[in-house]
Structure formats: structure tokens, C-alpha cells
Amino acid sequence: MTDPDPHMPRPRRRPVRPSADRVRRLAELGEWHRNWVARHADSAGFHPDEHPTPGSDYNLHHVDLEAPPAAQDEFHARARQIMGLD
């Protein structure tokens, strides 16, 4: 038997609905993120100077904020708990 042609598209897999537990965890993670952002948005740094492309609309549509390291650690620790990774 020969290997499949790498230039041919692979057959699509049927989508699989995530388990009820995973759906619940993802909803909880979304709620945690919303609350975390509300608490830490004012402490996050905004650096438009790091994206100085002339004529860019970066600052209107692709805003990156950097929360302080302690806030990021808090987010990731709770996210891991929510997702059952700790």
C-alpha cells in the first residue's frame, strides 16, 4: 500500500460534540475570564508604540494588554483548576 498523496485534501472528520462536563468547564472558564478582565483591565499596560506601522488600525481592532505577572499567574492557576488540570 502506498502513502496518501500529501497534495490531496484529507477527508473531513465528523464534528464531535464536547461532553457536557467540557461545555460546563468552558462556560465557567469564560465567566472567570470576564470577571478577571474586569478586575485587572486598569492595571494592564497598553503599548501602541510597539505596533508603529504607519496607517495601521491596530490600536482600533487588535488591542493587546499585558496584565502584571501576578495577575497572569492568578488567571492561569484558576483556569487550570477549572479545566481539571490541577
PDB file of N, CA and C in Angstrom:
ATOM      1  N   MET A   1       0.841  -1.180   0.000  1.00  0.00           N
ATOM      2  CA  MET A   1       0.000   0.000   0.000  1.00  0.00           C
ATOM      3  C   MET A   1       0.883   1.239   0.000  1.00  0.00           C
ATOM      4  N   THR A   2       0.476   2.245  -0.727  1.00  0.00           N
ATOM      5  CA  THR A   2       1.276   3.475  -0.803  1.00  0.00           C
ATOM      6  C   THR A   2       0.738   4.502   0.180  1.00  0.00           C
ATOM      7  N   ASP A   3       1.608   5.441   0.518  1.00  0.00           N
ATOM      8  CA  ASP A   3       1.189   6.536   1.404  1.00  0.00           C
ATOM      9  C   ASP A   3       0.216   7.442   0.672  1.00  0.00           C
ATOM     10  N   PRO A   4      -0.685   8.106   1.440  1.00  0.00           N
ATOM     11  CA  PRO A   4      -1.603   9.040   0.783  1.00  0.00           C
ATOM     12  C   PRO A   4      -0.841  10.199   0.147  1.00  0.00           C
ATOM     13  N   ASP A   5      -1.385  10.696  -0.939  1.00  0.00           N
ATOM     14  CA  ASP A   5      -0.780  11.841  -1.623  1.00  0.00           C
ATOM     15  C   ASP A   5      -0.883  13.066  -0.722  1.00  0.00           C
ATOM     16  N   PRO A   6       0.253  13.667  -0.322  1.00  0.00           N
ATOM     17  CA  PRO A   6       0.204  14.823   0.594  1.00  0.00           C
ATOM     18  C   PRO A   6      -0.432  16.054  -0.031  1.00  0.00           C
ATOM     19  N   HIS A   7      -0.632  16.047  -1.340  1.00  0.00           N
ATOM     20  CA  HIS A   7      -1.232  17.203  -2.005  1.00  0.00           C
ATOM     21  C   HIS A   7      -2.757  17.094  -2.096  1.00  0.00           C
ATOM     22  N   MET A   8      -3.292  15.933  -1.751  1.00  0.00           N
ATOM     23  CA  MET A   8      -4.739  15.730  -1.793  1.00  0.00           C
ATOM     24  C   MET A   8      -5.333  16.093  -0.434  1.00  0.00           C
ATOM     25  N   PRO A   9      -6.473  16.743  -0.437  1.00  0.00           N
ATOM     26  CA  PRO A   9      -7.090  17.081   0.858  1.00  0.00           C
ATOM     27  C   PRO A   9      -7.504  15.817   1.598  1.00  0.00           C
ATOM     28  N   ARG A  10      -7.386  15.879   2.911  1.00  0.00           N
ATOM     29  CA  ARG A  10      -7.796  14.750   3.738  1.00  0.00           C
ATOM     30  C   ARG A  10      -9.317  14.760   3.873  1.00  0.00           C
ATOM     31  N   PRO A  11      -9.913  13.593   4.040  1.00  0.00           N
ATOM     32  CA  PRO A  11     -11.359  13.575   4.272  1.00  0.00           C
ATOM     33  C   PRO A  11     -11.669  14.284   5.590  1.00  0.00           C
ATOM     34  N   ARG A  12     -12.777  14.998   5.624  1.00  0.00           N
ATOM     35  CA  ARG A  12     -13.163  15.721   6.838  1.00  0.00           C
ATOM     36  C   ARG A  12     -13.747  14.751   7.845  1.00  0.00           C
ATOM     37  N   ARG A  13     -13.396  14.973   9.089  1.00  0.00           N
ATOM     38  CA  ARG A  13     -13.971  14.174  10.170  1.00  0.00           C
ATOM     39  C   ARG A  13     -15.293  14.798  10.588  1.00  0.00           C
ATOM     40  N   ARG A  14     -16.182  13.957  11.012  1.00  0.00           N
ATOM     41  CA  ARG A  14     -17.449  14.468  11.523  1.00  0.00           C
ATOM     42  C   ARG A  14     -17.189  15.200  12.825  1.00  0.00           C
ATOM     43  N   PRO A  15     -17.813  16.348  13.022  1.00  0.00           N
ATOM     44  CA  PRO A  15     -17.618  17.054  14.296  1.00  0.00           C
ATOM     45  C   PRO A  15     -18.152  16.215  15.460  1.00  0.00           C
ATOM     46  N   VAL A  16     -17.468  16.299  16.575  1.00  0.00           N
ATOM     47  CA  VAL A  16     -17.874  15.576  17.771  1.00  0.00           C
ATOM     48  C   VAL A  16     -18.243  16.592  18.834  1.00  0.00           C
ATOM     49  N   ARG A  17     -19.449  16.485  19.344  1.00  0.00           N
ATOM     50  CA  ARG A  17     -19.893  17.398  20.388  1.00  0.00           C
ATOM     51  C   ARG A  17     -19.084  17.136  21.654  1.00  0.00           C
ATOM     52  N   PRO A  18     -18.558  18.219  22.257  1.00  0.00           N
ATOM     53  CA  PRO A  18     -17.832  18.024  23.515  1.00  0.00           C
ATOM     54  C   PRO A  18     -18.785  17.508  24.594  1.00  0.00           C
ATOM     55  N   SER A  19     -18.229  16.867  25.579  1.00  0.00           N
ATOM     56  CA  SER A  19     -19.049  16.334  26.673  1.00  0.00           C
ATOM     57  C   SER A  19     -19.708  17.478  27.440  1.00  0.00           C
ATOM     58  N   ALA A  20     -20.764  17.139  28.165  1.00  0.00           N
ATOM     59  CA  ALA A  20     -21.454  18.135  28.988  1.00  0.00           C
ATOM     60  C   ALA A  20     -20.496  18.737  30.015  1.00  0.00           C
ATOM     61  N   ASP A  21     -19.585  17.907  30.546  1.00  0.00           N
ATOM     62  CA  ASP A  21     -18.605  18.404  31.516  1.00  0.00           C
ATOM     63  C   ASP A  21     -17.679  19.430  30.873  1.00  0.00           C
ATOM     64  N   ARG A  22     -17.213  19.149  29.671  1.00  0.00           N
ATOM     65  CA  ARG A  22     -16.320  20.096  28.982  1.00  0.00           C
ATOM     66  C   ARG A  22     -17.052  21.392  28.658  1.00  0.00           C
ATOM     67  N   VAL A  23     -18.283  21.305  28.216  1.00  0.00           N
ATOM     68  CA  VAL A  23     -19.080  22.506  27.927  1.00  0.00           C
ATOM     69  C   VAL A  23     -19.238  23.336  29.195  1.00  0.00           C
ATOM     70  N   ARG A  24     -19.542  22.670  30.325  1.00  0.00           N
ATOM     71  CA  ARG A  24     -19.686  23.378  31.605  1.00  0.00           C
ATOM     72  C   ARG A  24     -18.380  24.047  31.993  1.00  0.00           C
ATOM     73  N   ARG A  25     -17.265  23.325  31.867  1.00  0.00           N
ATOM     74  CA  ARG A  25     -15.954  23.887  32.238  1.00  0.00           C
ATOM     75  C   ARG A  25     -15.600  25.097  31.361  1.00  0.00           C
ATOM     76  N   LEU A  26     -15.860  25.000  30.065  1.00  0.00           N
ATOM     77  CA  LEU A  26     -15.553  26.117  29.169  1.00  0.00           C
ATOM     78  C   LEU A  26     -16.414  27.336  29.480  1.00  0.00           C
ATOM     79  N   ALA A  27     -17.680  27.113  29.836  1.00  0.00           N
ATOM     80  CA  ALA A  27     -18.543  28.233  30.234  1.00  0.00           C
ATOM     81  C   ALA A  27     -18.017  28.872  31.518  1.00  0.00           C
ATOM     82  N   GLU A  28     -17.601  28.041  32.470  1.00  0.00           N
ATOM     83  CA  GLU A  28     -17.041  28.561  33.714  1.00  0.00           C
ATOM     84  C   GLU A  28     -15.739  29.314  33.450  1.00  0.00           C
ATOM     85  N   LEU A  29     -14.919  28.796  32.551  1.00  0.00           N
ATOM     86  CA  LEU A  29     -13.677  29.478  32.190  1.00  0.00           C
ATOM     87  C   LEU A  29     -13.968  30.840  31.562  1.00  0.00           C
ATOM     88  N   GLY A  30     -14.964  30.904  30.698  1.00  0.00           N
ATOM     89  CA  GLY A  30     -15.346  32.181  30.093  1.00  0.00           C
ATOM     90  C   GLY A  30     -15.802  33.188  31.131  1.00  0.00           C
ATOM     91  N   GLU A  31     -16.585  32.720  32.099  1.00  0.00           N
ATOM     92  CA  GLU A  31     -17.054  33.603  33.178  1.00  0.00           C
ATOM     93  C   GLU A  31     -15.878  34.066  34.036  1.00  0.00           C
ATOM     94  N   TRP A  32     -14.951  33.150  34.338  1.00  0.00           N
ATOM     95  CA  TRP A  32     -13.758  33.520  35.104  1.00  0.00           C
ATOM     96  C   TRP A  32     -12.959  34.584  34.355  1.00  0.00           C
ATOM     97  N   HIS A  33     -12.776  34.410  33.054  1.00  0.00           N
ATOM     98  CA  HIS A  33     -12.021  35.369  32.251  1.00  0.00           C
ATOM     99  C   HIS A  33     -12.697  36.737  32.268  1.00  0.00           C
ATOM    100  N   ARG A  34     -14.019  36.759  32.102  1.00  0.00           N
ATOM    101  CA  ARG A  34     -14.753  38.033  32.112  1.00  0.00           C
ATOM    102  C   ARG A  34     -14.551  38.762  33.438  1.00  0.00           C
ATOM    103  N   ASN A  35     -14.686  38.051  34.547  1.00  0.00           N
ATOM    104  CA  ASN A  35     -14.505  38.670  35.865  1.00  0.00           C
ATOM    105  C   ASN A  35     -13.056  39.103  36.087  1.00  0.00           C
ATOM    106  N   TRP A  36     -12.117  38.274  35.657  1.00  0.00           N
ATOM    107  CA  TRP A  36     -10.693  38.589  35.820  1.00  0.00           C
ATOM    108  C   TRP A  36     -10.338  39.852  35.042  1.00  0.00           C
ATOM    109  N   VAL A  37     -10.818  39.961  33.813  1.00  0.00           N
ATOM    110  CA  VAL A  37     -10.551  41.149  32.994  1.00  0.00           C
ATOM    111  C   VAL A  37     -11.127  42.390  33.673  1.00  0.00           C
ATOM    112  N   ALA A  38     -12.334  42.281  34.193  1.00  0.00           N
ATOM    113  CA  ALA A  38     -12.963  43.435  34.853  1.00  0.00           C
ATOM    114  C   ALA A  38     -12.124  43.912  36.039  1.00  0.00           C
ATOM    115  N   ARG A  39     -11.509  42.976  36.757  1.00  0.00           N
ATOM    116  CA  ARG A  39     -10.693  43.356  37.916  1.00  0.00           C
ATOM    117  C   ARG A  39      -9.320  43.877  37.540  1.00  0.00           C
ATOM    118  N   HIS A  40      -8.753  43.423  36.413  1.00  0.00           N
ATOM    119  CA  HIS A  40      -7.352  43.738  36.110  1.00  0.00           C
ATOM    120  C   HIS A  40      -7.138  44.645  34.898  1.00  0.00           C
ATOM    121  N   ALA A  41      -8.179  45.019  34.204  1.00  0.00           N
ATOM    122  CA  ALA A  41      -8.003  45.819  32.982  1.00  0.00           C
ATOM    123  C   ALA A  41      -7.282  47.137  33.256  1.00  0.00           C
ATOM    124  N   ASP A  42      -7.568  47.765  34.380  1.00  0.00           N
ATOM    125  CA  ASP A  42      -6.932  49.056  34.677  1.00  0.00           C
ATOM    126  C   ASP A  42      -5.448  48.937  34.999  1.00  0.00           C
ATOM    127  N   SER A  43      -5.000  47.739  35.370  1.00  0.00           N
ATOM    128  CA  SER A  43      -3.581  47.578  35.702  1.00  0.00           C
ATOM    129  C   SER A  43      -2.773  47.038  34.526  1.00  0.00           C
ATOM    130  N   ALA A  44      -3.450  46.740  33.429  1.00  0.00           N
ATOM    131  CA  ALA A  44      -2.761  46.178  32.270  1.00  0.00           C
ATOM    132  C   ALA A  44      -2.144  47.290  31.435  1.00  0.00           C
ATOM    133  N   GLY A  45      -0.929  47.068  31.000  1.00  0.00           N
ATOM    134  CA  GLY A  45      -0.229  48.056  30.182  1.00  0.00           C
ATOM    135  C   GLY A  45      -0.668  47.997  28.730  1.00  0.00           C
ATOM    136  N   PHE A  46      -0.797  49.151  28.132  1.00  0.00           N
ATOM    137  CA  PHE A  46      -1.149  49.258  26.709  1.00  0.00           C
ATOM    138  C   PHE A  46       0.019  49.954  26.029  1.00  0.00           C
ATOM    139  N   HIS A  47       0.613  49.307  25.008  1.00  0.00           N
ATOM    140  CA  HIS A  47       1.817  49.822  24.366  1.00  0.00           C
ATOM    141  C   HIS A  47       1.628  49.955  22.854  1.00  0.00           C
ATOM    142  N   PRO A  48       0.890  50.974  22.416  1.00  0.00           N
ATOM    143  CA  PRO A  48       0.671  51.121  20.972  1.00  0.00           C
ATOM    144  C   PRO A  48       1.965  51.394  20.222  1.00  0.00           C
ATOM    145  N   ASP A  49       2.972  51.898  20.926  1.00  0.00           N
ATOM    146  CA  ASP A  49       4.250  52.188  20.284  1.00  0.00           C
ATOM    147  C   ASP A  49       4.954  50.919  19.796  1.00  0.00           C
ATOM    148  N   GLU A  50       4.520  49.760  20.281  1.00  0.00           N
ATOM    149  CA  GLU A  50       5.128  48.504  19.834  1.00  0.00           C
ATOM    150  C   GLU A  50       4.563  48.044  18.491  1.00  0.00           C
ATOM    151  N   HIS A  51       3.589  48.777  17.972  1.00  0.00           N
ATOM    152  CA  HIS A  51       2.970  48.445  16.683  1.00  0.00           C
ATOM    153  C   HIS A  51       2.887  49.718  15.840  1.00  0.00           C
ATOM    154  N   PRO A  52       4.052  50.256  15.479  1.00  0.00           N
ATOM    155  CA  PRO A  52       4.082  51.580  14.843  1.00  0.00           C
ATOM    156  C   PRO A  52       3.872  51.590  13.326  1.00  0.00           C
ATOM    157  N   THR A  53       3.263  50.569  12.759  1.00  0.00           N
ATOM    158  CA  THR A  53       3.078  50.534  11.319  1.00  0.00           C
ATOM    159  C   THR A  53       2.270  51.745  10.866  1.00  0.00           C
ATOM    160  N   PRO A  54       2.822  52.565   9.970  1.00  0.00           N
ATOM    161  CA  PRO A  54       2.086  53.744   9.508  1.00  0.00           C
ATOM    162  C   PRO A  54       0.758  53.346   8.861  1.00  0.00           C
ATOM    163  N   GLY A  55      -0.290  54.055   9.234  1.00  0.00           N
ATOM    164  CA  GLY A  55      -1.605  53.795   8.667  1.00  0.00           C
ATOM    165  C   GLY A  55      -2.303  52.584   9.244  1.00  0.00           C
ATOM    166  N   SER A  56      -1.684  51.945  10.245  1.00  0.00           N
ATOM    167  CA  SER A  56      -2.270  50.744  10.824  1.00  0.00           C
ATOM    168  C   SER A  56      -3.470  51.090  11.692  1.00  0.00           C
ATOM    169  N   ASP A  57      -4.472  50.219  11.674  1.00  0.00           N
ATOM    170  CA  ASP A  57      -5.610  50.394  12.567  1.00  0.00           C
ATOM    171  C   ASP A  57      -5.495  49.456  13.772  1.00  0.00           C
ATOM    172  N   TYR A  58      -4.272  49.018  14.050  1.00  0.00           N
ATOM    173  CA  TYR A  58      -4.025  48.089  15.149  1.00  0.00           C
ATOM    174  C   TYR A  58      -4.668  48.555  16.449  1.00  0.00           C
ATOM    175  N   ASN A  59      -4.495  49.818  16.781  1.00  0.00           N
ATOM    176  CA  ASN A  59      -4.984  50.315  18.067  1.00  0.00           C
ATOM    177  C   ASN A  59      -6.507  50.361  18.141  1.00  0.00           C
ATOM    178  N   LEU A  60      -7.175  50.216  17.004  1.00  0.00           N
ATOM    179  CA  LEU A  60      -8.631  50.193  16.998  1.00  0.00           C
ATOM    180  C   LEU A  60      -9.194  48.774  17.076  1.00  0.00           C
ATOM    181  N   HIS A  61      -8.493  47.817  16.500  1.00  0.00           N
ATOM    182  CA  HIS A  61      -9.068  46.492  16.347  1.00  0.00           C
ATOM    183  C   HIS A  61      -8.293  45.362  17.005  1.00  0.00           C
ATOM    184  N   HIS A  62      -7.032  45.532  17.284  1.00  0.00           N
ATOM    185  CA  HIS A  62      -6.209  44.442  17.806  1.00  0.00           C
ATOM    186  C   HIS A  62      -5.432  44.926  19.022  1.00  0.00           C
ATOM    187  N   VAL A  63      -6.143  45.203  20.066  1.00  0.00           N
ATOM    188  CA  VAL A  63      -5.513  45.774  21.243  1.00  0.00           C
ATOM    189  C   VAL A  63      -4.974  44.665  22.141  1.00  0.00           C
ATOM    190  N   ASP A  64      -3.687  44.716  22.410  1.00  0.00           N
ATOM    191  CA  ASP A  64      -3.054  43.795  23.346  1.00  0.00           C
ATOM    192  C   ASP A  64      -2.789  44.526  24.648  1.00  0.00           C
ATOM    193  N   LEU A  65      -3.232  43.945  25.733  1.00  0.00           N
ATOM    194  CA  LEU A  65      -2.951  44.482  27.056  1.00  0.00           C
ATOM    195  C   LEU A  65      -2.151  43.432  27.807  1.00  0.00           C
ATOM    196  N   GLU A  66      -1.179  43.886  28.572  1.00  0.00           N
ATOM    197  CA  GLU A  66      -0.383  42.963  29.366  1.00  0.00           C
ATOM    198  C   GLU A  66      -0.681  43.166  30.832  1.00  0.00           C
ATOM    199  N   ALA A  67      -1.338  42.185  31.432  1.00  0.00           N
ATOM    200  CA  ALA A  67      -1.604  42.252  32.864  1.00  0.00           C
ATOM    201  C   ALA A  67      -0.299  42.007  33.610  1.00  0.00           C
ATOM    202  N   PRO A  68      -0.197  42.526  34.831  1.00  0.00           N
ATOM    203  CA  PRO A  68       1.003  42.263  35.637  1.00  0.00           C
ATOM    204  C   PRO A  68       1.196  40.751  35.830  1.00  0.00           C
ATOM    205  N   PRO A  69       2.440  40.320  36.004  1.00  0.00           N
ATOM    206  CA  PRO A  69       2.713  38.882  36.149  1.00  0.00           C
ATOM    207  C   PRO A  69       1.885  38.197  37.234  1.00  0.00           C
ATOM    208  N   ALA A  70       1.691  38.836  38.375  1.00  0.00           N
ATOM    209  CA  ALA A  70       0.908  38.212  39.450  1.00  0.00           C
ATOM    210  C   ALA A  70      -0.533  37.974  38.998  1.00  0.00           C
ATOM    211  N   ALA A  71      -1.085  38.908  38.232  1.00  0.00           N
ATOM    212  CA  ALA A  71      -2.451  38.742  37.730  1.00  0.00           C
ATOM    213  C   ALA A  71      -2.509  37.613  36.706  1.00  0.00           C
ATOM    214  N   GLN A  72      -1.497  37.519  35.864  1.00  0.00           N
ATOM    215  CA  GLN A  72      -1.458  36.426  34.891  1.00  0.00           C
ATOM    216  C   GLN A  72      -1.347  35.072  35.603  1.00  0.00           C
ATOM    217  N   ASP A  73      -0.515  35.014  36.638  1.00  0.00           N
ATOM    218  CA  ASP A  73      -0.384  33.776  37.412  1.00  0.00           C
ATOM    219  C   ASP A  73      -1.720  33.394  38.041  1.00  0.00           C
ATOM    220  N   GLU A  74      -2.428  34.391  38.578  1.00  0.00           N
ATOM    221  CA  GLU A  74      -3.740  34.148  39.182  1.00  0.00           C
ATOM    222  C   GLU A  74      -4.699  33.565  38.140  1.00  0.00           C
ATOM    223  N   PHE A  75      -4.717  34.172  36.953  1.00  0.00           N
ATOM    224  CA  PHE A  75      -5.625  33.695  35.904  1.00  0.00           C
ATOM    225  C   PHE A  75      -5.318  32.252  35.533  1.00  0.00           C
ATOM    226  N   HIS A  76      -4.045  31.962  35.260  1.00  0.00           N
ATOM    227  CA  HIS A  76      -3.684  30.627  34.796  1.00  0.00           C
ATOM    228  C   HIS A  76      -3.895  29.558  35.861  1.00  0.00           C
ATOM    229  N   ALA A  77      -3.641  29.884  37.120  1.00  0.00           N
ATOM    230  CA  ALA A  77      -3.852  28.910  38.195  1.00  0.00           C
ATOM    231  C   ALA A  77      -5.330  28.530  38.276  1.00  0.00           C
ATOM    232  N   ARG A  78      -6.204  29.529  38.246  1.00  0.00           N
ATOM    233  CA  ARG A  78      -7.646  29.246  38.333  1.00  0.00           C
ATOM    234  C   ARG A  78      -8.134  28.557  37.058  1.00  0.00           C
ATOM    235  N   ALA A  79      -7.627  28.953  35.902  1.00  0.00           N
ATOM    236  CA  ALA A  79      -8.038  28.328  34.639  1.00  0.00           C
ATOM    237  C   ALA A  79      -7.669  26.846  34.646  1.00  0.00           C
ATOM    238  N   ARG A  80      -6.501  26.519  35.165  1.00  0.00           N
ATOM    239  CA  ARG A  80      -6.089  25.111  35.241  1.00  0.00           C
ATOM    240  C   ARG A  80      -7.007  24.332  36.175  1.00  0.00           C
ATOM    241  N   GLN A  81      -7.389  24.963  37.274  1.00  0.00           N
ATOM    242  CA  GLN A  81      -8.330  24.328  38.203  1.00  0.00           C
ATOM    243  C   GLN A  81      -9.662  24.060  37.515  1.00  0.00           C
ATOM    244  N   ILE A  82     -10.195  25.083  36.866  1.00  0.00           N
ATOM    245  CA  ILE A  82     -11.492  24.966  36.188  1.00  0.00           C
ATOM    246  C   ILE A  82     -11.464  23.845  35.162  1.00  0.00           C
ATOM    247  N   MET A  83     -10.397  23.757  34.412  1.00  0.00           N
ATOM    248  CA  MET A  83     -10.305  22.760  33.342  1.00  0.00           C
ATOM    249  C   MET A  83      -9.873  21.378  33.847  1.00  0.00           C
ATOM    250  N   GLY A  84      -9.663  21.261  35.163  1.00  0.00           N
ATOM    251  CA  GLY A  84      -9.331  19.963  35.749  1.00  0.00           C
ATOM    252  C   GLY A  84      -7.901  19.529  35.499  1.00  0.00           C
ATOM    253  N   LEU A  85      -7.009  20.490  35.327  1.00  0.00           N
ATOM    254  CA  LEU A  85      -5.611  20.169  35.042  1.00  0.00           C
ATOM    255  C   LEU A  85      -4.740  20.215  36.285  1.00  0.00           C
ATOM    256  N   ASP A  86      -5.296  20.647  37.381  1.00  0.00           N
ATOM    257  CA  ASP A  86      -4.553  20.665  38.656  1.00  0.00           C
ATOM    258  C   ASP A  86      -5.269  19.822  39.676  1.00  0.00           C
TER     259      ASP A  86
END
